Amino acid sequence: MPQPILQRNILHYPRLDTILTVEEFIEKNSGKFKKKSLWENLPKKMIYQTFCVIFDYLEETGKIARDKDGWIVWIWNPELVKKYLAREDLGR
């Protein structure tokens, strides 16, 4: 398992608009790309290391997942999160 993002020695963190670009692209193209081909097909070119920081962040926060063959899928569902947070029988 990779070292958590906040404990790494990262020289430059990506800007919010760059993170959002990657998020939107993955959400719209869920299941169509593996990691390297995803980076190569992004609408905005970026350094691979920057992409890896974003990718790891999305994976660690449960927004994306990889299947056993390496295909990237978008799994974040904010409506489902709201539903469960509203349940009183679940602790916070």
C-alpha atoms as a PDB file:
ATOM      1  CA  MET A   1       0.000   0.000   0.000  1.00  0.00           C
ATOM      2  CA  PRO A   2       1.405   3.417  -0.944  1.00  0.00           C
ATOM      3  CA  GLN A   3       2.315   5.965   1.681  1.00  0.00           C
ATOM      4  CA  PRO A   4      -0.590   8.381   2.457  1.00  0.00           C
ATOM      5  CA  ILE A   5      -0.430  11.614   0.433  1.00  0.00           C
ATOM      6  CA  LEU A   6       0.067  13.932   3.409  1.00  0.00           C
ATOM      7  CA  GLN A   7       3.081  11.911   4.598  1.00  0.00           C
ATOM      8  CA  ARG A   8       4.908  12.026   1.258  1.00  0.00           C
ATOM      9  CA  ASN A   9       7.589  14.446   0.226  1.00  0.00           C
ATOM     10  CA  ILE A  10       5.714  16.225  -2.586  1.00  0.00           C
ATOM     11  CA  LEU A  11       7.345  19.317  -4.037  1.00  0.00           C
ATOM     12  CA  HIS A  12       4.259  20.672  -5.773  1.00  0.00           C
ATOM     13  CA  TYR A  13       0.646  19.883  -5.028  1.00  0.00           C
ATOM     14  CA  PRO A  14      -1.850  20.133  -7.910  1.00  0.00           C
ATOM     15  CA  ARG A  15      -4.233  23.057  -8.188  1.00  0.00           C
ATOM     16  CA  LEU A  16      -7.923  22.543  -7.538  1.00  0.00           C
ATOM     17  CA  ASP A  17      -8.907  23.093 -11.183  1.00  0.00           C
ATOM     18  CA  THR A  18      -6.471  20.360 -12.213  1.00  0.00           C
ATOM     19  CA  ILE A  19      -7.940  17.933  -9.670  1.00  0.00           C
ATOM     20  CA  LEU A  20     -11.464  18.744 -10.850  1.00  0.00           C
ATOM     21  CA  THR A  21     -10.450  18.178 -14.476  1.00  0.00           C
ATOM     22  CA  VAL A  22      -9.187  14.693 -13.634  1.00  0.00           C
ATOM     23  CA  GLU A  23     -12.274  13.918 -11.525  1.00  0.00           C
ATOM     24  CA  GLU A  24     -14.676  14.979 -14.276  1.00  0.00           C
ATOM     25  CA  PHE A  25     -12.787  13.053 -16.936  1.00  0.00           C
ATOM     26  CA  ILE A  26     -12.769   9.853 -14.887  1.00  0.00           C
ATOM     27  CA  GLU A  27     -16.443  10.202 -13.988  1.00  0.00           C
ATOM     28  CA  LYS A  28     -17.424  10.669 -17.658  1.00  0.00           C
ATOM     29  CA  ASN A  29     -15.128   7.865 -18.865  1.00  0.00           C
ATOM     30  CA  SER A  30     -15.560   5.374 -16.038  1.00  0.00           C
ATOM     31  CA  GLY A  31     -14.305   1.916 -16.970  1.00  0.00           C
ATOM     32  CA  LYS A  32     -12.744   2.981 -20.288  1.00  0.00           C
ATOM     33  CA  PHE A  33      -9.102   3.460 -19.292  1.00  0.00           C
ATOM     34  CA  LYS A  34      -6.293   2.026 -17.249  1.00  0.00           C
ATOM     35  CA  LYS A  35      -4.028   4.405 -15.307  1.00  0.00           C
ATOM     36  CA  LYS A  36      -1.418   5.303 -17.937  1.00  0.00           C
ATOM     37  CA  SER A  37      -3.883   5.542 -20.831  1.00  0.00           C
ATOM     38  CA  LEU A  38      -6.137   7.672 -18.634  1.00  0.00           C
ATOM     39  CA  TRP A  39      -3.282  10.141 -18.128  1.00  0.00           C
ATOM     40  CA  GLU A  40      -2.479  10.134 -21.854  1.00  0.00           C
ATOM     41  CA  ASN A  41      -6.093  10.951 -22.787  1.00  0.00           C
ATOM     42  CA  LEU A  42      -6.793  13.744 -20.308  1.00  0.00           C
ATOM     43  CA  PRO A  43      -8.094  16.946 -21.930  1.00  0.00           C
ATOM     44  CA  LYS A  44      -5.438  18.945 -20.074  1.00  0.00           C
ATOM     45  CA  LYS A  45      -1.820  17.773 -20.291  1.00  0.00           C
ATOM     46  CA  MET A  46       0.051  17.493 -17.003  1.00  0.00           C
ATOM     47  CA  ILE A  47       3.203  16.013 -15.563  1.00  0.00           C
ATOM     48  CA  TYR A  48       2.762  12.325 -14.740  1.00  0.00           C
ATOM     49  CA  GLN A  49       3.866  12.866 -11.119  1.00  0.00           C
ATOM     50  CA  THR A  50       1.112  15.480 -10.684  1.00  0.00           C
ATOM     51  CA  PHE A  51      -1.393  13.059 -12.158  1.00  0.00           C
ATOM     52  CA  CYS A  52      -0.200  10.342  -9.750  1.00  0.00           C
ATOM     53  CA  VAL A  53      -0.767  12.627  -6.735  1.00  0.00           C
ATOM     54  CA  ILE A  54      -4.324  13.304  -7.941  1.00  0.00           C
ATOM     55  CA  PHE A  55      -4.931   9.651  -8.776  1.00  0.00           C
ATOM     56  CA  ASP A  56      -3.737   8.490  -5.350  1.00  0.00           C
ATOM     57  CA  TYR A  57      -5.890  11.138  -3.654  1.00  0.00           C
ATOM     58  CA  LEU A  58      -8.994   9.994  -5.561  1.00  0.00           C
ATOM     59  CA  GLU A  59      -8.258   6.371  -4.727  1.00  0.00           C
ATOM     60  CA  GLU A  60      -7.576   7.064  -1.022  1.00  0.00           C
ATOM     61  CA  THR A  61     -10.786   9.085  -0.646  1.00  0.00           C
ATOM     62  CA  GLY A  62     -12.948   6.405  -2.254  1.00  0.00           C
ATOM     63  CA  LYS A  63     -13.884   8.310  -5.391  1.00  0.00           C
ATOM     64  CA  ILE A  64     -12.278   5.832  -7.784  1.00  0.00           C
ATOM     65  CA  ALA A  65     -11.335   2.178  -7.756  1.00  0.00           C
ATOM     66  CA  ARG A  66      -9.452  -0.256  -9.988  1.00  0.00           C
ATOM     67  CA  ASP A  67     -10.750  -3.646 -10.927  1.00  0.00           C
ATOM     68  CA  LYS A  68      -8.498  -6.716 -10.964  1.00  0.00           C
ATOM     69  CA  ASP A  69      -7.395  -5.905 -14.530  1.00  0.00           C
ATOM     70  CA  GLY A  70      -6.524  -2.267 -13.749  1.00  0.00           C
ATOM     71  CA  TRP A  71      -9.535  -0.519 -15.302  1.00  0.00           C
ATOM     72  CA  ILE A  72     -10.401   2.711 -13.485  1.00  0.00           C
ATOM     73  CA  VAL A  73     -14.010   3.259 -12.404  1.00  0.00           C
ATOM     74  CA  TRP A  74     -15.749   6.163 -10.694  1.00  0.00           C
ATOM     75  CA  ILE A  75     -17.458   4.937  -7.508  1.00  0.00           C
ATOM     76  CA  TRP A  76     -18.210   8.140  -5.576  1.00  0.00           C
ATOM     77  CA  ASN A  77     -21.935   8.595  -4.962  1.00  0.00           C
ATOM     78  CA  PRO A  78     -22.687  11.778  -2.967  1.00  0.00           C
ATOM     79  CA  GLU A  79     -26.433  11.080  -2.871  1.00  0.00           C
ATOM     80  CA  LEU A  80     -25.819   7.733  -1.203  1.00  0.00           C
ATOM     81  CA  VAL A  81     -23.458   9.377   1.294  1.00  0.00           C
ATOM     82  CA  LYS A  82     -26.129  11.966   2.184  1.00  0.00           C
ATOM     83  CA  LYS A  83     -28.671   9.187   2.649  1.00  0.00           C
ATOM     84  CA  TYR A  84     -26.466   7.319   5.108  1.00  0.00           C
ATOM     85  CA  LEU A  85     -25.391  10.456   6.973  1.00  0.00           C
ATOM     86  CA  ALA A  86     -29.059  11.306   7.525  1.00  0.00           C
ATOM     87  CA  ARG A  87     -29.746   7.965   9.229  1.00  0.00           C
ATOM     88  CA  GLU A  88     -29.913   8.371  12.992  1.00  0.00           C
ATOM     89  CA  ASP A  89     -29.131   4.713  13.623  1.00  0.00           C
ATOM     90  CA  LEU A  90     -25.639   5.166  12.160  1.00  0.00           C
ATOM     91  CA  GLY A  91     -23.039   6.853  14.337  1.00  0.00           C
ATOM     92  CA  ARG A  92     -20.834   9.640  13.107  1.00  0.00           C
END
